[in-house]
Structures are given as structure tokens and as C-alpha cells.
């Protein structure tokens, strides 16, 4: 009985690895025996292409290591603010008069600071190393 079970396990593993070596991409595009269906194309003559609408509840600012994408912004109370570091060379290290807008540590490429602006007022965000890089946020 033990020999039969061992033979089945070795046969299964051998068949699996042989199949994986000989036909690695056989099912990578889905089931192959179904016929391809033609998709209907809708003519776009005379129609304007729809542009994606930004999220009205969120304002996105990018930081490229030398400047912010915008320097003055107005946000309504209870809206979200996201600052994304797009610089591969320089880390984003921010300091602000609002604690939630300061980074606790330098942020690397594509890291983001995401916060909800619940207090009205004017807040200034500066780069900790170069204070000339600044962003003024007005929350109404």
C-alpha cells in the first residue's frame, strides 16, 4: 500500500513538472477552445470624448523635489488633501503650522501625505530643508 501511494505521489509530481516545462503559457490567456467574439464598435464621430472628472472631495498636490504642483489652494472644510512625492531623487520632508500637514519622517518616491481638512484657516506647508518651497492652503 505504501509503495502504491509513493508511486502515485511521484507520478503526480513528475506529471506536474513535465506539464509546467512543456506548456507554461497554455492557459495564460484564458480558455483556448472558446471562439473569439467580435465586440461592437461605437462610432464616435461628432461626439466629444468624455474627460475623467476629478474627485470633488479630494485635492491632489504633487511634490517634485523643487516645488509643489500648485502654490496656493482653496479647500472647503471636511475635504481631503493629498500631497504625493513624485521626486525619485529627493525625499519629501514637510513642516507646517498644522500638525497633520507635517511629515513625521522624510517620505520617499510615491509616498503620500493624506489628511482631512476639518479646521478653517490658512496653513503654510514648507520643505524642512529648503523653506522657499512652500504651499499655502486656505480652508473655508
C-alpha atoms as a PDB file:
ATOM      1  CA  UNK A   1       0.000   0.000   0.000  1.00  0.00           C
ATOM      2  CA  UNK A   2       2.839   2.403   0.870  1.00  0.00           C
ATOM      3  CA  UNK A   3       4.523   1.687  -2.450  1.00  0.00           C
ATOM      4  CA  UNK A   4       1.324   2.475  -4.363  1.00  0.00           C
ATOM      5  CA  UNK A   5       0.850   5.817  -2.539  1.00  0.00           C
ATOM      6  CA  UNK A   6       4.514   6.739  -3.062  1.00  0.00           C
ATOM      7  CA  UNK A   7       4.260   5.792  -6.750  1.00  0.00           C
ATOM      8  CA  UNK A   8       1.119   7.963  -7.160  1.00  0.00           C
ATOM      9  CA  UNK A   9       2.748  10.975  -5.475  1.00  0.00           C
ATOM     10  CA  UNK A  10       5.936  10.693  -7.555  1.00  0.00           C
ATOM     11  CA  UNK A  11       3.863  10.211 -10.721  1.00  0.00           C
ATOM     12  CA  UNK A  12       1.707  13.246  -9.927  1.00  0.00           C
ATOM     13  CA  UNK A  13       4.721  15.477  -9.226  1.00  0.00           C
ATOM     14  CA  UNK A  14       6.541  14.226 -12.324  1.00  0.00           C
ATOM     15  CA  UNK A  15       3.500  14.878 -14.494  1.00  0.00           C
ATOM     16  CA  UNK A  16       3.008  18.323 -12.996  1.00  0.00           C
ATOM     17  CA  UNK A  17       6.606  19.413 -13.608  1.00  0.00           C
ATOM     18  CA  UNK A  18       6.661  17.877 -17.112  1.00  0.00           C
ATOM     19  CA  UNK A  19       3.475  19.764 -17.968  1.00  0.00           C
ATOM     20  CA  UNK A  20       4.872  23.008 -16.499  1.00  0.00           C
ATOM     21  CA  UNK A  21       8.081  22.676 -18.534  1.00  0.00           C
ATOM     22  CA  UNK A  22       6.453  21.782 -21.857  1.00  0.00           C
ATOM     23  CA  UNK A  23       3.381  24.063 -21.851  1.00  0.00           C
ATOM     24  CA  UNK A  24       3.969  27.005 -19.485  1.00  0.00           C
ATOM     25  CA  UNK A  25       1.704  29.536 -21.259  1.00  0.00           C
ATOM     26  CA  UNK A  26      -1.075  27.298 -22.499  1.00  0.00           C
ATOM     27  CA  UNK A  27      -3.817  28.824 -20.360  1.00  0.00           C
ATOM     28  CA  UNK A  28      -2.330  32.260 -19.709  1.00  0.00           C
ATOM     29  CA  UNK A  29      -4.886  33.957 -21.983  1.00  0.00           C
ATOM     30  CA  UNK A  30      -7.909  32.102 -20.650  1.00  0.00           C
ATOM     31  CA  UNK A  31      -9.720  29.085 -22.022  1.00  0.00           C
ATOM     32  CA  UNK A  32      -8.496  28.465 -25.555  1.00  0.00           C
ATOM     33  CA  UNK A  33     -11.278  26.396 -27.067  1.00  0.00           C
ATOM     34  CA  UNK A  34     -13.949  29.142 -26.911  1.00  0.00           C
ATOM     35  CA  UNK A  35     -14.360  31.085 -30.138  1.00  0.00           C
ATOM     36  CA  UNK A  36     -13.414  34.749 -30.061  1.00  0.00           C
ATOM     37  CA  UNK A  37     -16.370  37.108 -30.114  1.00  0.00           C
ATOM     38  CA  UNK A  38     -16.366  40.320 -32.058  1.00  0.00           C
ATOM     39  CA  UNK A  39     -17.014  43.355 -29.944  1.00  0.00           C
ATOM     40  CA  UNK A  40     -19.249  46.037 -31.344  1.00  0.00           C
ATOM     41  CA  UNK A  41     -17.553  49.344 -32.005  1.00  0.00           C
ATOM     42  CA  UNK A  42     -19.499  52.505 -31.403  1.00  0.00           C
ATOM     43  CA  UNK A  43     -18.798  55.294 -33.864  1.00  0.00           C
ATOM     44  CA  UNK A  44     -17.507  58.423 -32.158  1.00  0.00           C
ATOM     45  CA  UNK A  45     -17.926  60.908 -34.978  1.00  0.00           C
ATOM     46  CA  UNK A  46     -19.489  64.149 -33.814  1.00  0.00           C
ATOM     47  CA  UNK A  47     -19.219  63.202 -30.146  1.00  0.00           C
ATOM     48  CA  UNK A  48     -16.808  64.773 -27.729  1.00  0.00           C
ATOM     49  CA  UNK A  49     -14.614  62.470 -25.712  1.00  0.00           C
ATOM     50  CA  UNK A  50     -15.552  62.478 -22.051  1.00  0.00           C
ATOM     51  CA  UNK A  51     -12.792  63.619 -19.768  1.00  0.00           C
ATOM     52  CA  UNK A  52     -12.477  61.936 -16.391  1.00  0.00           C
ATOM     53  CA  UNK A  53     -13.810  64.133 -13.637  1.00  0.00           C
ATOM     54  CA  UNK A  54     -11.603  64.639 -10.603  1.00  0.00           C
ATOM     55  CA  UNK A  55     -12.868  63.671  -7.200  1.00  0.00           C
ATOM     56  CA  UNK A  56     -14.549  66.820  -5.798  1.00  0.00           C
ATOM     57  CA  UNK A  57     -13.863  65.667  -2.245  1.00  0.00           C
ATOM     58  CA  UNK A  58     -10.088  65.409  -2.694  1.00  0.00           C
ATOM     59  CA  UNK A  59      -7.371  67.822  -3.778  1.00  0.00           C
ATOM     60  CA  UNK A  60      -4.140  66.238  -5.006  1.00  0.00           C
ATOM     61  CA  UNK A  61      -0.857  68.155  -4.921  1.00  0.00           C
ATOM     62  CA  UNK A  62       2.424  66.724  -6.196  1.00  0.00           C
ATOM     63  CA  UNK A  63       5.901  67.490  -4.916  1.00  0.00           C
ATOM     64  CA  UNK A  64       8.761  67.152  -7.420  1.00  0.00           C
ATOM     65  CA  UNK A  65      11.682  67.896  -5.124  1.00  0.00           C
ATOM     66  CA  UNK A  66      11.961  71.542  -6.146  1.00  0.00           C
ATOM     67  CA  UNK A  67       8.366  72.776  -5.971  1.00  0.00           C
ATOM     68  CA  UNK A  68       4.730  71.857  -5.406  1.00  0.00           C
ATOM     69  CA  UNK A  69       2.395  71.467  -8.390  1.00  0.00           C
ATOM     70  CA  UNK A  70       0.343  74.394  -7.026  1.00  0.00           C
ATOM     71  CA  UNK A  71       1.442  77.057  -4.553  1.00  0.00           C
ATOM     72  CA  UNK A  72      -1.941  78.399  -3.363  1.00  0.00           C
ATOM     73  CA  UNK A  73      -5.047  76.270  -2.965  1.00  0.00           C
ATOM     74  CA  UNK A  74      -8.529  76.769  -1.514  1.00  0.00           C
ATOM     75  CA  UNK A  75     -10.276  73.789   0.057  1.00  0.00           C
ATOM     76  CA  UNK A  76     -13.667  73.511   1.681  1.00  0.00           C
ATOM     77  CA  UNK A  77     -13.924  72.245   5.247  1.00  0.00           C
ATOM     78  CA  UNK A  78     -14.129  68.428   5.527  1.00  0.00           C
ATOM     79  CA  UNK A  79     -12.411  67.855   2.164  1.00  0.00           C
ATOM     80  CA  UNK A  80      -9.317  65.715   1.747  1.00  0.00           C
ATOM     81  CA  UNK A  81      -5.826  66.854   0.796  1.00  0.00           C
ATOM     82  CA  UNK A  82      -3.200  64.514  -0.616  1.00  0.00           C
ATOM     83  CA  UNK A  83       0.419  65.523  -1.198  1.00  0.00           C
ATOM     84  CA  UNK A  84       2.363  62.965  -3.262  1.00  0.00           C
ATOM     85  CA  UNK A  85       6.153  62.849  -3.606  1.00  0.00           C
ATOM     86  CA  UNK A  86       6.947  62.478  -7.335  1.00  0.00           C
ATOM     87  CA  UNK A  87      10.706  63.009  -6.919  1.00  0.00           C
ATOM     88  CA  UNK A  88      12.900  59.938  -7.240  1.00  0.00           C
ATOM     89  CA  UNK A  89      15.981  61.847  -6.064  1.00  0.00           C
ATOM     90  CA  UNK A  90      14.723  63.886  -3.110  1.00  0.00           C
ATOM     91  CA  UNK A  91      12.635  62.821  -0.157  1.00  0.00           C
ATOM     92  CA  UNK A  92       9.621  64.891   0.865  1.00  0.00           C
ATOM     93  CA  UNK A  93      10.201  66.281   4.360  1.00  0.00           C
ATOM     94  CA  UNK A  94       7.452  68.787   5.215  1.00  0.00           C
ATOM     95  CA  UNK A  95       6.858  71.089   8.154  1.00  0.00           C
ATOM     96  CA  UNK A  96       3.687  73.112   8.750  1.00  0.00           C
ATOM     97  CA  UNK A  97       1.849  75.227  11.276  1.00  0.00           C
ATOM     98  CA  UNK A  98      -0.831  72.489  11.156  1.00  0.00           C
ATOM     99  CA  UNK A  99       0.453  69.274  12.732  1.00  0.00           C
ATOM    100  CA  UNK A 100      -1.403  66.978  10.305  1.00  0.00           C
ATOM    101  CA  UNK A 101       0.376  68.580   7.331  1.00  0.00           C
ATOM    102  CA  UNK A 102       3.871  67.878   8.661  1.00  0.00           C
ATOM    103  CA  UNK A 103       5.568  64.622   7.777  1.00  0.00           C
ATOM    104  CA  UNK A 104       6.829  62.657  10.799  1.00  0.00           C
ATOM    105  CA  UNK A 105       9.741  61.380   8.686  1.00  0.00           C
ATOM    106  CA  UNK A 106      11.016  62.001   5.148  1.00  0.00           C
ATOM    107  CA  UNK A 107       8.733  60.399   2.541  1.00  0.00           C
ATOM    108  CA  UNK A 108      10.286  58.562  -0.404  1.00  0.00           C
ATOM    109  CA  UNK A 109       9.144  58.400  -4.035  1.00  0.00           C
ATOM    110  CA  UNK A 110       5.354  57.928  -4.425  1.00  0.00           C
ATOM    111  CA  UNK A 111       4.657  58.068  -0.691  1.00  0.00           C
ATOM    112  CA  UNK A 112       1.846  60.428   0.171  1.00  0.00           C
ATOM    113  CA  UNK A 113       0.517  62.542   2.974  1.00  0.00           C
ATOM    114  CA  UNK A 114      -3.266  62.191   3.108  1.00  0.00           C
ATOM    115  CA  UNK A 115      -5.357  64.193   5.564  1.00  0.00           C
ATOM    116  CA  UNK A 116      -8.846  65.582   6.021  1.00  0.00           C
ATOM    117  CA  UNK A 117      -9.004  69.355   6.461  1.00  0.00           C
ATOM    118  CA  UNK A 118     -11.513  69.901   9.278  1.00  0.00           C
ATOM    119  CA  UNK A 119     -10.357  73.262  10.667  1.00  0.00           C
ATOM    120  CA  UNK A 120     -10.910  76.503   8.745  1.00  0.00           C
ATOM    121  CA  UNK A 121      -7.898  78.775   8.395  1.00  0.00           C
ATOM    122  CA  UNK A 122      -4.760  79.392   6.392  1.00  0.00           C
ATOM    123  CA  UNK A 123      -1.978  76.846   6.682  1.00  0.00           C
ATOM    124  CA  UNK A 124       1.546  77.030   5.292  1.00  0.00           C
ATOM    125  CA  UNK A 125       3.500  73.926   4.320  1.00  0.00           C
ATOM    126  CA  UNK A 126       7.273  74.257   3.775  1.00  0.00           C
ATOM    127  CA  UNK A 127      10.049  71.895   2.865  1.00  0.00           C
ATOM    128  CA  UNK A 128      12.039  71.328   6.056  1.00  0.00           C
ATOM    129  CA  UNK A 129      15.413  71.700   4.296  1.00  0.00           C
ATOM    130  CA  UNK A 130      14.517  74.432   1.763  1.00  0.00           C
ATOM    131  CA  UNK A 131      11.893  76.809   3.261  1.00  0.00           C
ATOM    132  CA  UNK A 132      11.499  78.648  -0.051  1.00  0.00           C
ATOM    133  CA  UNK A 133       9.483  75.665  -1.292  1.00  0.00           C
ATOM    134  CA  UNK A 134       6.056  76.433   0.146  1.00  0.00           C
ATOM    135  CA  UNK A 135       2.398  75.684  -0.249  1.00  0.00           C
ATOM    136  CA  UNK A 136      -0.367  77.920   1.136  1.00  0.00           C
ATOM    137  CA  UNK A 137      -3.641  76.162   1.934  1.00  0.00           C
ATOM    138  CA  UNK A 138      -6.803  78.137   2.689  1.00  0.00           C
ATOM    139  CA  UNK A 139      -9.619  76.132   4.244  1.00  0.00           C
ATOM    140  CA  UNK A 140     -13.086  77.766   4.164  1.00  0.00           C
END
